Structure formats: C-alpha cells, structure tokens
ModelCIF file with pLDDT and N, C-alpha, C, O atoms, coordinates in Angstrom:
data_MODEL
#
_entry.id   MODEL 
#
_entity.id                         1 
_entity.type                       polymer 
_entity.pdbx_number_of_molecules   1 
#
_entity_poly.entity_id                      1 
_entity_poly.type                           'polypeptide(L)' 
_entity_poly.nstd_linkage                   no 
_entity_poly.nstd_monomer                   no 
_entity_poly.pdbx_seq_one_letter_code       
;(UNK)(UNK)(UNK)(UNK)(UNK)(UNK)(UNK)(UNK)(UNK)(UNK)(UNK)(UNK)(UNK)(UNK)(UNK)(UNK)
(UNK)(UNK)(UNK)(UNK)(UNK)(UNK)(UNK)(UNK)(UNK)(UNK)(UNK)(UNK)(UNK)(UNK)(UNK)(UNK)
(UNK)(UNK)(UNK)(UNK)(UNK)(UNK)(UNK)(UNK)(UNK)(UNK)(UNK)(UNK)(UNK)(UNK)(UNK)
;
_entity_poly.pdbx_seq_one_letter_code_can   XXXXXXXXXXXXXXXXXXXXXXXXXXXXXXXXXXXXXXXXXXXXXXX 
_entity_poly.pdbx_strand_id                 A 
#
loop_
_entity_poly_seq.entity_id 
_entity_poly_seq.num 
_entity_poly_seq.mon_id 
_entity_poly_seq.hetero 
1 1  UNK n 
1 2  UNK n 
1 3  UNK n 
1 4  UNK n 
1 5  UNK n 
1 6  UNK n 
1 7  UNK n 
1 8  UNK n 
1 9  UNK n 
1 10 UNK n 
1 11 UNK n 
1 12 UNK n 
1 13 UNK n 
1 14 UNK n 
1 15 UNK n 
1 16 UNK n 
1 17 UNK n 
1 18 UNK n 
1 19 UNK n 
1 20 UNK n 
1 21 UNK n 
1 22 UNK n 
1 23 UNK n 
1 24 UNK n 
1 25 UNK n 
1 26 UNK n 
1 27 UNK n 
1 28 UNK n 
1 29 UNK n 
1 30 UNK n 
1 31 UNK n 
1 32 UNK n 
1 33 UNK n 
1 34 UNK n 
1 35 UNK n 
1 36 UNK n 
1 37 UNK n 
1 38 UNK n 
1 39 UNK n 
1 40 UNK n 
1 41 UNK n 
1 42 UNK n 
1 43 UNK n 
1 44 UNK n 
1 45 UNK n 
1 46 UNK n 
1 47 UNK n 
#
_struct_asym.id          A 
_struct_asym.entity_id   1 
#
loop_
_ma_qa_metric.id 
_ma_qa_metric.mode 
_ma_qa_metric.name 
_ma_qa_metric.software_group_id 
_ma_qa_metric.type 
1 global pLDDT . pLDDT 
2 local  pLDDT . pLDDT 
#
_ma_qa_metric_global.metric_id      1 
_ma_qa_metric_global.metric_value   87.94 
_ma_qa_metric_global.model_id       1 
_ma_qa_metric_global.ordinal_id     1 
#
loop_
_ma_qa_metric_local.label_asym_id 
_ma_qa_metric_local.label_comp_id 
_ma_qa_metric_local.label_seq_id 
_ma_qa_metric_local.metric_id 
_ma_qa_metric_local.metric_value 
_ma_qa_metric_local.model_id 
_ma_qa_metric_local.ordinal_id 
A UNK 1  2 81.00 1 1  
A UNK 2  2 84.00 1 2  
A UNK 3  2 85.00 1 3  
A UNK 4  2 89.00 1 4  
A UNK 5  2 92.00 1 5  
A UNK 6  2 92.00 1 6  
A UNK 7  2 94.00 1 7  
A UNK 8  2 93.00 1 8  
A UNK 9  2 93.00 1 9  
A UNK 10 2 94.00 1 10 
A UNK 11 2 94.00 1 11 
A UNK 12 2 95.00 1 12 
A UNK 13 2 93.00 1 13 
A UNK 14 2 90.00 1 14 
A UNK 15 2 93.00 1 15 
A UNK 16 2 92.00 1 16 
A UNK 17 2 88.00 1 17 
A UNK 18 2 87.00 1 18 
A UNK 19 2 92.00 1 19 
A UNK 20 2 90.00 1 20 
A UNK 21 2 86.00 1 21 
A UNK 22 2 90.00 1 22 
A UNK 23 2 91.00 1 23 
A UNK 24 2 86.00 1 24 
A UNK 25 2 85.00 1 25 
A UNK 26 2 91.00 1 26 
A UNK 27 2 90.00 1 27 
A UNK 28 2 83.00 1 28 
A UNK 29 2 85.00 1 29 
A UNK 30 2 87.00 1 30 
A UNK 31 2 83.00 1 31 
A UNK 32 2 78.00 1 32 
A UNK 33 2 79.00 1 33 
A UNK 34 2 78.00 1 34 
A UNK 35 2 75.00 1 35 
A UNK 36 2 75.00 1 36 
A UNK 37 2 76.00 1 37 
A UNK 38 2 81.00 1 38 
A UNK 39 2 86.00 1 39 
A UNK 40 2 88.00 1 40 
A UNK 41 2 92.00 1 41 
A UNK 42 2 90.00 1 42 
A UNK 43 2 95.00 1 43 
A UNK 44 2 94.00 1 44 
A UNK 45 2 95.00 1 45 
A UNK 46 2 92.00 1 46 
A UNK 47 2 91.00 1 47 
#
loop_
_atom_site.group_PDB 
_atom_site.id 
_atom_site.type_symbol 
_atom_site.label_atom_id 
_atom_site.label_alt_id 
_atom_site.label_comp_id 
_atom_site.label_asym_id 
_atom_site.label_entity_id 
_atom_site.label_seq_id 
_atom_site.pdbx_PDB_ins_code 
_atom_site.Cartn_x 
_atom_site.Cartn_y 
_atom_site.Cartn_z 
_atom_site.occupancy 
_atom_site.B_iso_or_equiv 
_atom_site.pdbx_formal_charge 
_atom_site.auth_seq_id 
_atom_site.auth_comp_id 
_atom_site.auth_asym_id 
_atom_site.auth_atom_id 
_atom_site.pdbx_PDB_model_num 
ATOM 1   N N  . UNK A 1 1  ? 16.105  -11.679 10.464 1.00 81.00 ? 1  UNK A N  1 
ATOM 2   C CA . UNK A 1 1  ? 15.680  -12.991 10.890 1.00 81.00 ? 1  UNK A CA 1 
ATOM 3   C C  . UNK A 1 1  ? 16.743  -13.708 11.719 1.00 81.00 ? 1  UNK A C  1 
ATOM 4   O O  . UNK A 1 1  ? 16.462  -14.385 12.708 1.00 81.00 ? 1  UNK A O  1 
ATOM 5   N N  . UNK A 1 2  ? 17.985  -13.518 11.257 1.00 84.00 ? 2  UNK A N  1 
ATOM 6   C CA . UNK A 1 2  ? 19.151  -14.163 11.917 1.00 84.00 ? 2  UNK A CA 1 
ATOM 7   C C  . UNK A 1 2  ? 19.856  -13.341 12.892 1.00 84.00 ? 2  UNK A C  1 
ATOM 8   O O  . UNK A 1 2  ? 20.727  -13.831 13.611 1.00 84.00 ? 2  UNK A O  1 
ATOM 9   N N  . UNK A 1 3  ? 19.500  -12.039 12.953 1.00 85.00 ? 3  UNK A N  1 
ATOM 10  C CA . UNK A 1 3  ? 20.199  -11.091 13.800 1.00 85.00 ? 3  UNK A CA 1 
ATOM 11  C C  . UNK A 1 3  ? 21.656  -10.810 13.367 1.00 85.00 ? 3  UNK A C  1 
ATOM 12  O O  . UNK A 1 3  ? 22.516  -10.529 14.201 1.00 85.00 ? 3  UNK A O  1 
ATOM 13  N N  . UNK A 1 4  ? 21.918  -10.895 12.019 1.00 89.00 ? 4  UNK A N  1 
ATOM 14  C CA . UNK A 1 4  ? 23.210  -10.830 11.512 1.00 89.00 ? 4  UNK A CA 1 
ATOM 15  C C  . UNK A 1 4  ? 23.509  -9.377  11.015 1.00 89.00 ? 4  UNK A C  1 
ATOM 16  O O  . UNK A 1 4  ? 22.634  -8.810  10.361 1.00 89.00 ? 4  UNK A O  1 
ATOM 17  N N  . UNK A 1 5  ? 24.622  -8.772  11.268 1.00 92.00 ? 5  UNK A N  1 
ATOM 18  C CA . UNK A 1 5  ? 24.979  -7.404  10.800 1.00 92.00 ? 5  UNK A CA 1 
ATOM 19  C C  . UNK A 1 5  ? 26.380  -7.672  10.217 1.00 92.00 ? 5  UNK A C  1 
ATOM 20  O O  . UNK A 1 5  ? 27.231  -8.246  10.896 1.00 92.00 ? 5  UNK A O  1 
ATOM 21  N N  . UNK A 1 6  ? 26.611  -7.268  8.999  1.00 92.00 ? 6  UNK A N  1 
ATOM 22  C CA . UNK A 1 6  ? 27.939  -7.302  8.413  1.00 92.00 ? 6  UNK A CA 1 
ATOM 23  C C  . UNK A 1 6  ? 28.235  -5.857  7.814  1.00 92.00 ? 6  UNK A C  1 
ATOM 24  O O  . UNK A 1 6  ? 27.425  -5.335  7.048  1.00 92.00 ? 6  UNK A O  1 
ATOM 25  N N  . UNK A 1 7  ? 29.312  -5.283  8.150  1.00 94.00 ? 7  UNK A N  1 
ATOM 26  C CA . UNK A 1 7  ? 29.712  -4.066  7.643  1.00 94.00 ? 7  UNK A CA 1 
ATOM 27  C C  . UNK A 1 7  ? 30.654  -4.326  6.435  1.00 94.00 ? 7  UNK A C  1 
ATOM 28  O O  . UNK A 1 7  ? 31.590  -5.125  6.473  1.00 94.00 ? 7  UNK A O  1 
ATOM 29  N N  . UNK A 1 8  ? 30.310  -3.562  5.349  1.00 93.00 ? 8  UNK A N  1 
ATOM 30  C CA . UNK A 1 8  ? 30.997  -3.661  4.133  1.00 93.00 ? 8  UNK A CA 1 
ATOM 31  C C  . UNK A 1 8  ? 31.169  -5.148  3.712  1.00 93.00 ? 8  UNK A C  1 
ATOM 32  O O  . UNK A 1 8  ? 32.284  -5.668  3.674  1.00 93.00 ? 8  UNK A O  1 
ATOM 33  N N  . UNK A 1 9  ? 30.067  -5.789  3.410  1.00 93.00 ? 9  UNK A N  1 
ATOM 34  C CA . UNK A 1 9  ? 30.002  -7.251  3.156  1.00 93.00 ? 9  UNK A CA 1 
ATOM 35  C C  . UNK A 1 9  ? 30.741  -7.524  1.820  1.00 93.00 ? 9  UNK A C  1 
ATOM 36  O O  . UNK A 1 9  ? 30.862  -6.673  0.939  1.00 93.00 ? 9  UNK A O  1 
ATOM 37  N N  . UNK A 1 10 ? 31.235  -8.817  1.750  1.00 94.00 ? 10 UNK A N  1 
ATOM 38  C CA . UNK A 1 10 ? 31.772  -9.362  0.471  1.00 94.00 ? 10 UNK A CA 1 
ATOM 39  C C  . UNK A 1 10 ? 30.639  -9.651  -0.481 1.00 94.00 ? 10 UNK A C  1 
ATOM 40  O O  . UNK A 1 10 ? 29.488  -9.721  -0.048 1.00 94.00 ? 10 UNK A O  1 
ATOM 41  N N  . UNK A 1 11 ? 30.906  -9.818  -1.725 1.00 94.00 ? 11 UNK A N  1 
ATOM 42  C CA . UNK A 1 11 ? 29.808  -10.356 -2.670 1.00 94.00 ? 11 UNK A CA 1 
ATOM 43  C C  . UNK A 1 11 ? 29.218  -11.616 -2.226 1.00 94.00 ? 11 UNK A C  1 
ATOM 44  O O  . UNK A 1 11 ? 28.007  -11.813 -2.332 1.00 94.00 ? 11 UNK A O  1 
ATOM 45  N N  . UNK A 1 12 ? 30.038  -12.498 -1.723 1.00 95.00 ? 12 UNK A N  1 
ATOM 46  C CA . UNK A 1 12 ? 29.492  -13.746 -1.256 1.00 95.00 ? 12 UNK A CA 1 
ATOM 47  C C  . UNK A 1 12 ? 28.565  -13.675 -0.108 1.00 95.00 ? 12 UNK A C  1 
ATOM 48  O O  . UNK A 1 12 ? 27.517  -14.322 -0.117 1.00 95.00 ? 12 UNK A O  1 
ATOM 49  N N  . UNK A 1 13 ? 28.915  -12.898 0.903  1.00 93.00 ? 13 UNK A N  1 
ATOM 50  C CA . UNK A 1 13 ? 28.100  -12.593 2.115  1.00 93.00 ? 13 UNK A CA 1 
ATOM 51  C C  . UNK A 1 13 ? 26.660  -12.028 1.684  1.00 93.00 ? 13 UNK A C  1 
ATOM 52  O O  . UNK A 1 13 ? 25.589  -12.365 2.189  1.00 93.00 ? 13 UNK A O  1 
ATOM 53  N N  . UNK A 1 14 ? 26.840  -11.155 0.707  1.00 90.00 ? 14 UNK A N  1 
ATOM 54  C CA . UNK A 1 14 ? 25.598  -10.439 0.245  1.00 90.00 ? 14 UNK A CA 1 
ATOM 55  C C  . UNK A 1 14 ? 24.708  -11.433 -0.538 1.00 90.00 ? 14 UNK A C  1 
ATOM 56  O O  . UNK A 1 14 ? 23.490  -11.428 -0.362 1.00 90.00 ? 14 UNK A O  1 
ATOM 57  N N  . UNK A 1 15 ? 25.313  -12.297 -1.413 1.00 93.00 ? 15 UNK A N  1 
ATOM 58  C CA . UNK A 1 15 ? 24.547  -13.267 -2.154 1.00 93.00 ? 15 UNK A CA 1 
ATOM 59  C C  . UNK A 1 15 ? 23.832  -14.245 -1.088 1.00 93.00 ? 15 UNK A C  1 
ATOM 60  O O  . UNK A 1 15 ? 22.646  -14.548 -1.224 1.00 93.00 ? 15 UNK A O  1 
ATOM 61  N N  . UNK A 1 16 ? 24.518  -14.662 -0.156 1.00 92.00 ? 16 UNK A N  1 
ATOM 62  C CA . UNK A 1 16 ? 24.049  -15.559 0.881  1.00 92.00 ? 16 UNK A CA 1 
ATOM 63  C C  . UNK A 1 16 ? 22.827  -14.954 1.608  1.00 92.00 ? 16 UNK A C  1 
ATOM 64  O O  . UNK A 1 16 ? 21.849  -15.678 1.795  1.00 92.00 ? 16 UNK A O  1 
ATOM 65  N N  . UNK A 1 17 ? 22.822  -13.687 2.024  1.00 88.00 ? 17 UNK A N  1 
ATOM 66  C CA . UNK A 1 17 ? 21.736  -13.107 2.636  1.00 88.00 ? 17 UNK A CA 1 
ATOM 67  C C  . UNK A 1 17 ? 20.596  -12.859 1.678  1.00 88.00 ? 17 UNK A C  1 
ATOM 68  O O  . UNK A 1 17 ? 19.433  -12.942 2.075  1.00 88.00 ? 17 UNK A O  1 
ATOM 69  N N  . UNK A 1 18 ? 20.895  -12.553 0.414  1.00 87.00 ? 18 UNK A N  1 
ATOM 70  C CA . UNK A 1 18 ? 19.903  -12.387 -0.546 1.00 87.00 ? 18 UNK A CA 1 
ATOM 71  C C  . UNK A 1 18 ? 19.018  -13.705 -0.808 1.00 87.00 ? 18 UNK A C  1 
ATOM 72  O O  . UNK A 1 18 ? 17.797  -13.729 -0.967 1.00 87.00 ? 18 UNK A O  1 
ATOM 73  N N  . UNK A 1 19 ? 19.893  -14.784 -0.817 1.00 92.00 ? 19 UNK A N  1 
ATOM 74  C CA . UNK A 1 19 ? 19.265  -16.051 -1.062 1.00 92.00 ? 19 UNK A CA 1 
ATOM 75  C C  . UNK A 1 19 ? 18.368  -16.401 0.195  1.00 92.00 ? 19 UNK A C  1 
ATOM 76  O O  . UNK A 1 19 ? 17.279  -16.942 0.002  1.00 92.00 ? 19 UNK A O  1 
ATOM 77  N N  . UNK A 1 20 ? 18.775  -16.120 1.417  1.00 90.00 ? 20 UNK A N  1 
ATOM 78  C CA . UNK A 1 20 ? 17.917  -16.540 2.544  1.00 90.00 ? 20 UNK A CA 1 
ATOM 79  C C  . UNK A 1 20 ? 16.706  -15.531 2.499  1.00 90.00 ? 20 UNK A C  1 
ATOM 80  O O  . UNK A 1 20 ? 15.627  -15.951 2.916  1.00 90.00 ? 20 UNK A O  1 
ATOM 81  N N  . UNK A 1 21 ? 16.784  -14.300 2.054  1.00 86.00 ? 21 UNK A N  1 
ATOM 82  C CA . UNK A 1 21 ? 15.699  -13.355 1.973  1.00 86.00 ? 21 UNK A CA 1 
ATOM 83  C C  . UNK A 1 21 ? 14.704  -13.868 0.967  1.00 86.00 ? 21 UNK A C  1 
ATOM 84  O O  . UNK A 1 21 ? 13.499  -13.769 1.202  1.00 86.00 ? 21 UNK A O  1 
ATOM 85  N N  . UNK A 1 22 ? 15.164  -14.424 -0.166 1.00 90.00 ? 22 UNK A N  1 
ATOM 86  C CA . UNK A 1 22 ? 14.209  -14.891 -1.162 1.00 90.00 ? 22 UNK A CA 1 
ATOM 87  C C  . UNK A 1 22 ? 13.469  -16.112 -0.678 1.00 90.00 ? 22 UNK A C  1 
ATOM 88  O O  . UNK A 1 22 ? 12.275  -16.253 -0.942 1.00 90.00 ? 22 UNK A O  1 
ATOM 89  N N  . UNK A 1 23 ? 14.192  -17.061 0.071  1.00 91.00 ? 23 UNK A N  1 
ATOM 90  C CA . UNK A 1 23 ? 13.547  -18.243 0.642  1.00 91.00 ? 23 UNK A CA 1 
ATOM 91  C C  . UNK A 1 23 ? 12.482  -17.824 1.707  1.00 91.00 ? 23 UNK A C  1 
ATOM 92  O O  . UNK A 1 23 ? 11.396  -18.401 1.762  1.00 91.00 ? 23 UNK A O  1 
ATOM 93  N N  . UNK A 1 24 ? 12.833  -16.768 2.583  1.00 86.00 ? 24 UNK A N  1 
ATOM 94  C CA . UNK A 1 24 ? 11.938  -16.291 3.546  1.00 86.00 ? 24 UNK A CA 1 
ATOM 95  C C  . UNK A 1 24 ? 10.701  -15.679 2.754  1.00 86.00 ? 24 UNK A C  1 
ATOM 96  O O  . UNK A 1 24 ? 9.574   -15.999 3.132  1.00 86.00 ? 24 UNK A O  1 
ATOM 97  N N  . UNK A 1 25 ? 10.830  -14.932 1.821  1.00 85.00 ? 25 UNK A N  1 
ATOM 98  C CA . UNK A 1 25 ? 9.696   -14.359 1.003  1.00 85.00 ? 25 UNK A CA 1 
ATOM 99  C C  . UNK A 1 25 ? 8.828   -15.441 0.403  1.00 85.00 ? 25 UNK A C  1 
ATOM 100 O O  . UNK A 1 25 ? 7.608   -15.276 0.423  1.00 85.00 ? 25 UNK A O  1 
ATOM 101 N N  . UNK A 1 26 ? 9.329   -16.492 -0.107 1.00 91.00 ? 26 UNK A N  1 
ATOM 102 C CA . UNK A 1 26 ? 8.611   -17.566 -0.618 1.00 91.00 ? 26 UNK A CA 1 
ATOM 103 C C  . UNK A 1 26 ? 7.747   -18.283 0.433  1.00 91.00 ? 26 UNK A C  1 
ATOM 104 O O  . UNK A 1 26 ? 6.574   -18.598 0.233  1.00 91.00 ? 26 UNK A O  1 
ATOM 105 N N  . UNK A 1 27 ? 8.463   -18.527 1.634  1.00 90.00 ? 27 UNK A N  1 
ATOM 106 C CA . UNK A 1 27 ? 7.778   -19.200 2.725  1.00 90.00 ? 27 UNK A CA 1 
ATOM 107 C C  . UNK A 1 27 ? 6.653   -18.223 3.232  1.00 90.00 ? 27 UNK A C  1 
ATOM 108 O O  . UNK A 1 27 ? 5.584   -18.709 3.602  1.00 90.00 ? 27 UNK A O  1 
ATOM 109 N N  . UNK A 1 28 ? 6.835   -17.000 3.258  1.00 83.00 ? 28 UNK A N  1 
ATOM 110 C CA . UNK A 1 28 ? 5.895   -16.050 3.751  1.00 83.00 ? 28 UNK A CA 1 
ATOM 111 C C  . UNK A 1 28 ? 4.604   -16.062 2.744  1.00 83.00 ? 28 UNK A C  1 
ATOM 112 O O  . UNK A 1 28 ? 3.444   -16.046 3.156  1.00 83.00 ? 28 UNK A O  1 
ATOM 113 N N  . UNK A 1 29 ? 4.943   -16.091 1.484  1.00 85.00 ? 29 UNK A N  1 
ATOM 114 C CA . UNK A 1 29 ? 3.834   -16.135 0.517  1.00 85.00 ? 29 UNK A CA 1 
ATOM 115 C C  . UNK A 1 29 ? 3.016   -17.337 0.654  1.00 85.00 ? 29 UNK A C  1 
ATOM 116 O O  . UNK A 1 29 ? 1.794   -17.279 0.519  1.00 85.00 ? 29 UNK A O  1 
ATOM 117 N N  . UNK A 1 30 ? 3.698   -18.542 0.943  1.00 87.00 ? 30 UNK A N  1 
ATOM 118 C CA . UNK A 1 30 ? 2.982   -19.739 1.165  1.00 87.00 ? 30 UNK A CA 1 
ATOM 119 C C  . UNK A 1 30 ? 2.094   -19.698 2.436  1.00 87.00 ? 30 UNK A C  1 
ATOM 120 O O  . UNK A 1 30 ? 0.936   -20.117 2.453  1.00 87.00 ? 30 UNK A O  1 
ATOM 121 N N  . UNK A 1 31 ? 2.758   -19.142 3.529  1.00 83.00 ? 31 UNK A N  1 
ATOM 122 C CA . UNK A 1 31 ? 2.016   -18.977 4.750  1.00 83.00 ? 31 UNK A CA 1 
ATOM 123 C C  . UNK A 1 31 ? 0.774   -18.192 4.620  1.00 83.00 ? 31 UNK A C  1 
ATOM 124 O O  . UNK A 1 31 ? -0.263  -18.553 5.176  1.00 83.00 ? 31 UNK A O  1 
ATOM 125 N N  . UNK A 1 32 ? 0.859   -17.072 3.861  1.00 78.00 ? 32 UNK A N  1 
ATOM 126 C CA . UNK A 1 32 ? -0.304  -16.208 3.644  1.00 78.00 ? 32 UNK A CA 1 
ATOM 127 C C  . UNK A 1 32 ? -1.376  -16.965 2.855  1.00 78.00 ? 32 UNK A C  1 
ATOM 128 O O  . UNK A 1 32 ? -2.568  -16.900 3.155  1.00 78.00 ? 32 UNK A O  1 
ATOM 129 N N  . UNK A 1 33 ? -0.924  -17.648 1.885  1.00 79.00 ? 33 UNK A N  1 
ATOM 130 C CA . UNK A 1 33 ? -1.892  -18.439 1.030  1.00 79.00 ? 33 UNK A CA 1 
ATOM 131 C C  . UNK A 1 33 ? -2.650  -19.400 1.761  1.00 79.00 ? 33 UNK A C  1 
ATOM 132 O O  . UNK A 1 33 ? -3.828  -19.644 1.499  1.00 79.00 ? 33 UNK A O  1 
ATOM 133 N N  . UNK A 1 34 ? -1.930  -20.009 2.769  1.00 78.00 ? 34 UNK A N  1 
ATOM 134 C CA . UNK A 1 34 ? -2.527  -21.082 3.625  1.00 78.00 ? 34 UNK A CA 1 
ATOM 135 C C  . UNK A 1 34 ? -3.423  -20.523 4.819  1.00 78.00 ? 34 UNK A C  1 
ATOM 136 O O  . UNK A 1 34 ? -4.155  -21.216 5.526  1.00 78.00 ? 34 UNK A O  1 
ATOM 137 N N  . UNK A 1 35 ? -3.251  -19.265 4.909  1.00 75.00 ? 35 UNK A N  1 
ATOM 138 C CA . UNK A 1 35 ? -4.045  -18.660 6.123  1.00 75.00 ? 35 UNK A CA 1 
ATOM 139 C C  . UNK A 1 35 ? -5.471  -18.280 5.848  1.00 75.00 ? 35 UNK A C  1 
ATOM 140 O O  . UNK A 1 35 ? -6.037  -17.543 6.656  1.00 75.00 ? 35 UNK A O  1 
ATOM 141 N N  . UNK A 1 36 ? -6.162  -18.750 4.688  1.00 75.00 ? 36 UNK A N  1 
ATOM 142 C CA . UNK A 1 36 ? -7.431  -18.422 4.336  1.00 75.00 ? 36 UNK A CA 1 
ATOM 143 C C  . UNK A 1 36 ? -8.373  -19.329 5.216  1.00 75.00 ? 36 UNK A C  1 
ATOM 144 O O  . UNK A 1 36 ? -8.074  -20.474 5.557  1.00 75.00 ? 36 UNK A O  1 
ATOM 145 N N  . UNK A 1 37 ? -9.567  -18.675 5.548  1.00 76.00 ? 37 UNK A N  1 
ATOM 146 C CA . UNK A 1 37 ? -10.615 -19.345 6.243  1.00 76.00 ? 37 UNK A CA 1 
ATOM 147 C C  . UNK A 1 37 ? -10.405 -19.229 7.714  1.00 76.00 ? 37 UNK A C  1 
ATOM 148 O O  . UNK A 1 37 ? -9.498  -18.564 8.216  1.00 76.00 ? 37 UNK A O  1 
ATOM 149 N N  . UNK A 1 38 ? -11.299 -19.915 8.381  1.00 81.00 ? 38 UNK A N  1 
ATOM 150 C CA . UNK A 1 38 ? -11.223 -19.701 9.944  1.00 81.00 ? 38 UNK A CA 1 
ATOM 151 C C  . UNK A 1 38 ? -10.002 -20.393 10.548 1.00 81.00 ? 38 UNK A C  1 
ATOM 152 O O  . UNK A 1 38 ? -9.491  -21.399 10.056 1.00 81.00 ? 38 UNK A O  1 
ATOM 153 N N  . UNK A 1 39 ? -9.574  -19.773 11.657 1.00 86.00 ? 39 UNK A N  1 
ATOM 154 C CA . UNK A 1 39 ? -8.322  -20.366 12.313 1.00 86.00 ? 39 UNK A CA 1 
ATOM 155 C C  . UNK A 1 39 ? -8.918  -21.361 13.328 1.00 86.00 ? 39 UNK A C  1 
ATOM 156 O O  . UNK A 1 39 ? -9.685  -21.036 14.235 1.00 86.00 ? 39 UNK A O  1 
ATOM 157 N N  . UNK A 1 40 ? -8.463  -22.656 13.067 1.00 88.00 ? 40 UNK A N  1 
ATOM 158 C CA . UNK A 1 40 ? -8.906  -23.727 13.899 1.00 88.00 ? 40 UNK A CA 1 
ATOM 159 C C  . UNK A 1 40 ? -7.678  -24.663 14.347 1.00 88.00 ? 40 UNK A C  1 
ATOM 160 O O  . UNK A 1 40 ? -6.867  -25.086 13.524 1.00 88.00 ? 40 UNK A O  1 
ATOM 161 N N  . UNK A 1 41 ? -7.617  -24.920 15.576 1.00 92.00 ? 41 UNK A N  1 
ATOM 162 C CA . UNK A 1 41 ? -6.464  -25.829 15.994 1.00 92.00 ? 41 UNK A CA 1 
ATOM 163 C C  . UNK A 1 41 ? -6.695  -27.235 15.572 1.00 92.00 ? 41 UNK A C  1 
ATOM 164 O O  . UNK A 1 41 ? -7.811  -27.606 15.210 1.00 92.00 ? 41 UNK A O  1 
ATOM 165 N N  . UNK A 1 42 ? -5.700  -28.001 15.610 1.00 90.00 ? 42 UNK A N  1 
ATOM 166 C CA . UNK A 1 42 ? -5.796  -29.464 15.171 1.00 90.00 ? 42 UNK A CA 1 
ATOM 167 C C  . UNK A 1 42 ? -6.937  -30.267 15.885 1.00 90.00 ? 42 UNK A C  1 
ATOM 168 O O  . UNK A 1 42 ? -7.556  -31.194 15.364 1.00 90.00 ? 42 UNK A O  1 
ATOM 169 N N  . UNK A 1 43 ? -7.114  -29.816 17.058 1.00 95.00 ? 43 UNK A N  1 
ATOM 170 C CA . UNK A 1 43 ? -8.193  -30.557 17.914 1.00 95.00 ? 43 UNK A CA 1 
ATOM 171 C C  . UNK A 1 43 ? -9.590  -29.905 17.674 1.00 95.00 ? 43 UNK A C  1 
ATOM 172 O O  . UNK A 1 43 ? -10.570 -30.240 18.340 1.00 95.00 ? 43 UNK A O  1 
ATOM 173 N N  . UNK A 1 44 ? -9.638  -28.980 16.714 1.00 94.00 ? 44 UNK A N  1 
ATOM 174 C CA . UNK A 1 44 ? -10.971 -28.301 16.416 1.00 94.00 ? 44 UNK A CA 1 
ATOM 175 C C  . UNK A 1 44 ? -11.451 -27.157 17.101 1.00 94.00 ? 44 UNK A C  1 
ATOM 176 O O  . UNK A 1 44 ? -12.619 -26.800 16.947 1.00 94.00 ? 44 UNK A O  1 
ATOM 177 N N  . UNK A 1 45 ? -10.584 -26.481 17.922 1.00 95.00 ? 45 UNK A N  1 
ATOM 178 C CA . UNK A 1 45 ? -10.875 -25.329 18.713 1.00 95.00 ? 45 UNK A CA 1 
ATOM 179 C C  . UNK A 1 45 ? -10.791 -24.115 17.843 1.00 95.00 ? 45 UNK A C  1 
ATOM 180 O O  . UNK A 1 45 ? -9.719  -23.866 17.293 1.00 95.00 ? 45 UNK A O  1 
ATOM 181 N N  . UNK A 1 46 ? -11.817 -23.348 17.670 1.00 92.00 ? 46 UNK A N  1 
ATOM 182 C CA . UNK A 1 46 ? -11.762 -22.097 16.897 1.00 92.00 ? 46 UNK A CA 1 
ATOM 183 C C  . UNK A 1 46 ? -11.108 -21.056 17.643 1.00 92.00 ? 46 UNK A C  1 
ATOM 184 O O  . UNK A 1 46 ? -11.336 -20.851 18.835 1.00 92.00 ? 46 UNK A O  1 
ATOM 185 N N  . UNK A 1 47 ? -10.142 -20.272 16.815 1.00 91.00 ? 47 UNK A N  1 
ATOM 186 C CA . UNK A 1 47 ? -9.414  -19.257 17.500 1.00 91.00 ? 47 UNK A CA 1 
ATOM 187 C C  . UNK A 1 47 ? -9.722  -17.941 16.718 1.00 91.00 ? 47 UNK A C  1 
ATOM 188 O O  . UNK A 1 47 ? -9.224  -16.875 17.082 1.00 91.00 ? 47 UNK A O  1 
#
C-alpha cells in the first residue's frame, strides 16, 4: 500500500508495518460489509 521495502527490518519497523496491515484489513472488512445492495451514486445514479 505504501510502496515500502525494507531489507532485514528491525523489530520496530516490522511492528509498524504489521499494525498498518491490521488497520488496512479492518478497513477492508468494513468496506466489504458496506458494499451490500445496489451500487448507487449520491445523486441516485445506478452503477
């Protein structure tokens, strides 16, 4: 997601990326849950 590559990361760098991955997974789960039903724009156009 960030385009970041670290060779032989420190424990802190690894923990930081793991935390970002967990946040991303939670957001993705919410997005999937919110994607039920027909796709409609705010102005009512069906997509």
